[in-house]
Amino acid sequence: MRSMERRDEETFLTALWRNLRFPEDWHLLHLPPGHTFNVPSMDNARFAADKARYRIKQAAAMADARAAKMKEHWYKQSSIIARDKAAFTFGVMLLLFTQYVASCQMAWLCTWYAGFLATLYAVRYWIYHQEKQHYFLLEFCYILNFLLI
């Protein structure tokens, strides 16, 4: 009888120690007498680890696919040439017009800057919102330019 009590006590302490190592099972310490502990098995831990590894591999594969798609689109020759030519020409024309307004029509500089900035912010908001990056417009530089008006 004495050895049976000793074995039960060791089993109880072993189960208690296992449960104390897993915080999600601490509520089991307050069971009524006669109930046993629900000790997590190694199979559950292995399953959780395998599941985590699978999710990591899945996320890495998705990131690689996105990078490949972006790289493919980025290096399309037709889209680069037309877009770059138009953007460069438009940017140079805006720079020249801004210099003209700043040097010859100084009274209209504030109006030109406010209209230009409002148009630019509207276009940027539309583009960024499509890409779900519209919160980048809350950066310091954007807000400072807006406050400059």
C-alpha atoms as a PDB file:
ATOM      1  CA  MET A   1       0.000   0.000   0.000  1.00  0.00           C
ATOM      2  CA  ARG A   2       2.825   2.347   0.850  1.00  0.00           C
ATOM      3  CA  SER A   3       4.556   1.833  -2.517  1.00  0.00           C
ATOM      4  CA  MET A   4       1.246   2.456  -4.349  1.00  0.00           C
ATOM      5  CA  GLU A   5       0.799   5.823  -2.578  1.00  0.00           C
ATOM      6  CA  ARG A   6       4.403   6.717  -3.376  1.00  0.00           C
ATOM      7  CA  ARG A   7       3.881   5.878  -7.057  1.00  0.00           C
ATOM      8  CA  ASP A   8       0.646   7.873  -7.190  1.00  0.00           C
ATOM      9  CA  GLU A   9       2.400  10.801  -5.561  1.00  0.00           C
ATOM     10  CA  GLU A  10       5.224  10.643  -8.126  1.00  0.00           C
ATOM     11  CA  THR A  11       2.729  10.433 -10.962  1.00  0.00           C
ATOM     12  CA  PHE A  12       0.854  13.388  -9.543  1.00  0.00           C
ATOM     13  CA  LEU A  13       4.053  15.449  -9.196  1.00  0.00           C
ATOM     14  CA  THR A  14       5.179  14.501 -12.697  1.00  0.00           C
ATOM     15  CA  ALA A  15       1.831  15.516 -14.142  1.00  0.00           C
ATOM     16  CA  LEU A  16       1.887  18.719 -12.086  1.00  0.00           C
ATOM     17  CA  TRP A  17       5.354  19.583 -13.403  1.00  0.00           C
ATOM     18  CA  ARG A  18       4.275  18.927 -17.006  1.00  0.00           C
ATOM     19  CA  ASN A  19       1.249  21.147 -16.594  1.00  0.00           C
ATOM     20  CA  LEU A  20       3.239  23.957 -15.032  1.00  0.00           C
ATOM     21  CA  ARG A  21       5.458  24.018 -18.133  1.00  0.00           C
ATOM     22  CA  PHE A  22       2.448  24.673 -20.382  1.00  0.00           C
ATOM     23  CA  PRO A  23       0.660  27.863 -19.236  1.00  0.00           C
ATOM     24  CA  GLU A  24      -2.435  27.114 -21.301  1.00  0.00           C
ATOM     25  CA  ASP A  25      -3.136  24.142 -19.002  1.00  0.00           C
ATOM     26  CA  TRP A  26      -2.697  25.873 -15.633  1.00  0.00           C
ATOM     27  CA  HIS A  27      -6.454  25.999 -15.153  1.00  0.00           C
ATOM     28  CA  LEU A  28      -6.319  22.214 -14.712  1.00  0.00           C
ATOM     29  CA  LEU A  29      -4.553  22.587 -11.354  1.00  0.00           C
ATOM     30  CA  HIS A  30      -7.863  23.459  -9.700  1.00  0.00           C
ATOM     31  CA  LEU A  31      -9.656  20.201 -10.545  1.00  0.00           C
ATOM     32  CA  PRO A  32     -11.736  18.502  -7.853  1.00  0.00           C
ATOM     33  CA  PRO A  33     -10.186  15.447  -6.148  1.00  0.00           C
ATOM     34  CA  GLY A  34     -10.304  12.266  -8.181  1.00  0.00           C
ATOM     35  CA  HIS A  35      -9.791  13.977 -11.532  1.00  0.00           C
ATOM     36  CA  THR A  36      -6.600  13.608 -13.531  1.00  0.00           C
ATOM     37  CA  PHE A  37      -4.514  16.151 -15.350  1.00  0.00           C
ATOM     38  CA  ASN A  38      -4.719  16.555 -19.088  1.00  0.00           C
ATOM     39  CA  VAL A  39      -1.024  16.324 -19.979  1.00  0.00           C
ATOM     40  CA  PRO A  40      -0.183  17.576 -23.492  1.00  0.00           C
ATOM     41  CA  SER A  41       1.471  14.908 -25.601  1.00  0.00           C
ATOM     42  CA  MET A  42       4.543  15.221 -27.766  1.00  0.00           C
ATOM     43  CA  ASP A  43       2.382  14.460 -30.796  1.00  0.00           C
ATOM     44  CA  ASN A  44       0.512  17.732 -30.279  1.00  0.00           C
ATOM     45  CA  ALA A  45       3.791  19.634 -30.006  1.00  0.00           C
ATOM     46  CA  ARG A  46       5.154  17.989 -33.162  1.00  0.00           C
ATOM     47  CA  PHE A  47       1.932  18.725 -34.997  1.00  0.00           C
ATOM     48  CA  ALA A  48       2.092  22.394 -33.968  1.00  0.00           C
ATOM     49  CA  ALA A  49       5.740  22.620 -35.041  1.00  0.00           C
ATOM     50  CA  ASP A  50       4.972  20.996 -38.412  1.00  0.00           C
ATOM     51  CA  LYS A  51       2.051  23.355 -38.908  1.00  0.00           C
ATOM     52  CA  ALA A  52       4.268  26.369 -38.149  1.00  0.00           C
ATOM     53  CA  ARG A  53       6.954  25.127 -40.576  1.00  0.00           C
ATOM     54  CA  TYR A  54       4.317  24.654 -43.274  1.00  0.00           C
ATOM     55  CA  ARG A  55       2.985  28.184 -42.772  1.00  0.00           C
ATOM     56  CA  ILE A  56       6.492  29.642 -42.949  1.00  0.00           C
ATOM     57  CA  LYS A  57       7.214  27.765 -46.189  1.00  0.00           C
ATOM     58  CA  GLN A  58       3.857  28.859 -47.602  1.00  0.00           C
ATOM     59  CA  ALA A  59       4.548  32.520 -46.759  1.00  0.00           C
ATOM     60  CA  ALA A  60       8.033  32.297 -48.299  1.00  0.00           C
ATOM     61  CA  ALA A  61       6.592  30.787 -51.488  1.00  0.00           C
ATOM     62  CA  MET A  62       3.993  33.566 -51.709  1.00  0.00           C
ATOM     63  CA  ALA A  63       6.678  36.226 -51.214  1.00  0.00           C
ATOM     64  CA  ASP A  64       8.830  34.642 -53.930  1.00  0.00           C
ATOM     65  CA  ALA A  65       5.879  34.563 -56.331  1.00  0.00           C
ATOM     66  CA  ARG A  66       5.111  38.235 -55.673  1.00  0.00           C
ATOM     67  CA  ALA A  67       8.756  39.204 -56.167  1.00  0.00           C
ATOM     68  CA  ALA A  68       8.931  37.284 -59.449  1.00  0.00           C
ATOM     69  CA  LYS A  69       5.724  38.914 -60.715  1.00  0.00           C
ATOM     70  CA  MET A  70       6.943  42.372 -59.753  1.00  0.00           C
ATOM     71  CA  LYS A  71      10.345  41.742 -61.348  1.00  0.00           C
ATOM     72  CA  GLU A  72       8.690  40.527 -64.551  1.00  0.00           C
ATOM     73  CA  HIS A  73       6.498  43.631 -64.776  1.00  0.00           C
ATOM     74  CA  TRP A  74       9.325  45.968 -63.818  1.00  0.00           C
ATOM     75  CA  TYR A  75      11.536  44.872 -66.688  1.00  0.00           C
ATOM     76  CA  LYS A  76       8.930  44.964 -69.484  1.00  0.00           C
ATOM     77  CA  GLN A  77      10.625  47.162 -72.040  1.00  0.00           C
ATOM     78  CA  SER A  78       7.470  48.664 -73.535  1.00  0.00           C
ATOM     79  CA  SER A  79       6.042  49.857 -70.231  1.00  0.00           C
ATOM     80  CA  ILE A  80       9.343  51.343 -69.098  1.00  0.00           C
ATOM     81  CA  ILE A  81      10.084  53.326 -72.216  1.00  0.00           C
ATOM     82  CA  ALA A  82       6.661  54.934 -72.711  1.00  0.00           C
ATOM     83  CA  ARG A  83       6.085  55.710 -69.047  1.00  0.00           C
ATOM     84  CA  ASP A  84       9.579  57.086 -68.490  1.00  0.00           C
ATOM     85  CA  LYS A  85       9.496  59.302 -71.563  1.00  0.00           C
ATOM     86  CA  ALA A  86       6.132  60.786 -70.639  1.00  0.00           C
ATOM     87  CA  ALA A  87       7.082  61.304 -66.983  1.00  0.00           C
ATOM     88  CA  PHE A  88      10.417  62.915 -67.881  1.00  0.00           C
ATOM     89  CA  THR A  89       8.863  65.271 -70.435  1.00  0.00           C
ATOM     90  CA  PHE A  90       6.036  66.255 -68.083  1.00  0.00           C
ATOM     91  CA  GLY A  91       8.471  66.796 -65.190  1.00  0.00           C
ATOM     92  CA  VAL A  92      10.771  69.033 -67.238  1.00  0.00           C
ATOM     93  CA  MET A  93       7.817  71.091 -68.478  1.00  0.00           C
ATOM     94  CA  LEU A  94       6.531  71.557 -64.927  1.00  0.00           C
ATOM     95  CA  LEU A  95       9.985  72.598 -63.762  1.00  0.00           C
ATOM     96  CA  LEU A  96      10.298  75.178 -66.538  1.00  0.00           C
ATOM     97  CA  PHE A  97       6.809  76.547 -65.890  1.00  0.00           C
ATOM     98  CA  THR A  98       7.484  76.754 -62.134  1.00  0.00           C
ATOM     99  CA  GLN A  99      10.698  78.690 -62.833  1.00  0.00           C
ATOM    100  CA  TYR A 100       8.778  81.047 -65.082  1.00  0.00           C
ATOM    101  CA  VAL A 101       6.125  81.666 -62.426  1.00  0.00           C
ATOM    102  CA  ALA A 102       8.761  82.144 -59.707  1.00  0.00           C
ATOM    103  CA  SER A 103      10.838  84.595 -61.736  1.00  0.00           C
ATOM    104  CA  CYS A 104       8.329  86.535 -63.868  1.00  0.00           C
ATOM    105  CA  GLN A 105       4.966  86.187 -62.131  1.00  0.00           C
ATOM    106  CA  MET A 106       5.911  86.278 -58.446  1.00  0.00           C
ATOM    107  CA  ALA A 107       2.374  87.224 -57.328  1.00  0.00           C
ATOM    108  CA  TRP A 108       0.989  83.957 -58.749  1.00  0.00           C
ATOM    109  CA  LEU A 109       3.576  81.674 -57.115  1.00  0.00           C
ATOM    110  CA  CYS A 110       1.427  80.853 -54.048  1.00  0.00           C
ATOM    111  CA  THR A 111      -1.620  80.143 -56.215  1.00  0.00           C
ATOM    112  CA  TRP A 112       0.421  77.990 -58.600  1.00  0.00           C
ATOM    113  CA  TYR A 113       2.014  76.071 -55.734  1.00  0.00           C
ATOM    114  CA  ALA A 114      -1.335  75.451 -53.988  1.00  0.00           C
ATOM    115  CA  GLY A 115      -3.018  74.264 -57.189  1.00  0.00           C
ATOM    116  CA  PHE A 116      -0.067  72.121 -58.195  1.00  0.00           C
ATOM    117  CA  LEU A 117       0.182  70.562 -54.750  1.00  0.00           C
ATOM    118  CA  ALA A 118      -3.556  69.872 -54.537  1.00  0.00           C
ATOM    119  CA  THR A 119      -3.510  68.172 -57.950  1.00  0.00           C
ATOM    120  CA  LEU A 120      -0.406  66.170 -57.115  1.00  0.00           C
ATOM    121  CA  TYR A 121      -1.818  65.023 -53.777  1.00  0.00           C
ATOM    122  CA  ALA A 122      -5.118  64.005 -55.374  1.00  0.00           C
ATOM    123  CA  VAL A 123      -3.319  61.890 -57.983  1.00  0.00           C
ATOM    124  CA  ARG A 124      -0.998  60.384 -55.377  1.00  0.00           C
ATOM    125  CA  TYR A 125      -3.903  59.555 -53.107  1.00  0.00           C
ATOM    126  CA  TRP A 126      -5.721  57.835 -55.968  1.00  0.00           C
ATOM    127  CA  ILE A 127      -2.649  55.802 -56.963  1.00  0.00           C
ATOM    128  CA  TYR A 128      -1.620  54.957 -53.382  1.00  0.00           C
ATOM    129  CA  HIS A 129      -5.183  54.029 -52.426  1.00  0.00           C
ATOM    130  CA  GLN A 130      -5.344  51.524 -55.285  1.00  0.00           C
ATOM    131  CA  GLU A 131      -2.169  49.897 -53.938  1.00  0.00           C
ATOM    132  CA  LYS A 132      -3.449  50.140 -50.336  1.00  0.00           C
ATOM    133  CA  GLN A 133      -0.546  52.411 -49.379  1.00  0.00           C
ATOM    134  CA  HIS A 134      -2.469  55.657 -48.897  1.00  0.00           C
ATOM    135  CA  TYR A 135      -1.262  55.991 -45.303  1.00  0.00           C
ATOM    136  CA  PHE A 136       2.162  56.901 -46.676  1.00  0.00           C
ATOM    137  CA  LEU A 137       0.668  60.319 -47.394  1.00  0.00           C
ATOM    138  CA  LEU A 138       0.763  60.957 -43.634  1.00  0.00           C
ATOM    139  CA  GLU A 139       4.548  61.146 -43.715  1.00  0.00           C
ATOM    140  CA  PHE A 140       6.353  64.205 -42.413  1.00  0.00           C
ATOM    141  CA  CYS A 141       7.291  65.577 -45.851  1.00  0.00           C
ATOM    142  CA  TYR A 142       3.746  65.431 -47.209  1.00  0.00           C
ATOM    143  CA  ILE A 143       2.253  67.042 -44.124  1.00  0.00           C
ATOM    144  CA  LEU A 144       4.926  69.747 -44.042  1.00  0.00           C
ATOM    145  CA  ASN A 145       4.280  70.650 -47.694  1.00  0.00           C
ATOM    146  CA  PHE A 146       0.562  70.741 -47.008  1.00  0.00           C
ATOM    147  CA  LEU A 147       1.105  73.042 -43.997  1.00  0.00           C
ATOM    148  CA  LEU A 148       3.313  75.274 -46.113  1.00  0.00           C
ATOM    149  CA  ILE A 149       0.241  76.381 -48.035  1.00  0.00           C
END
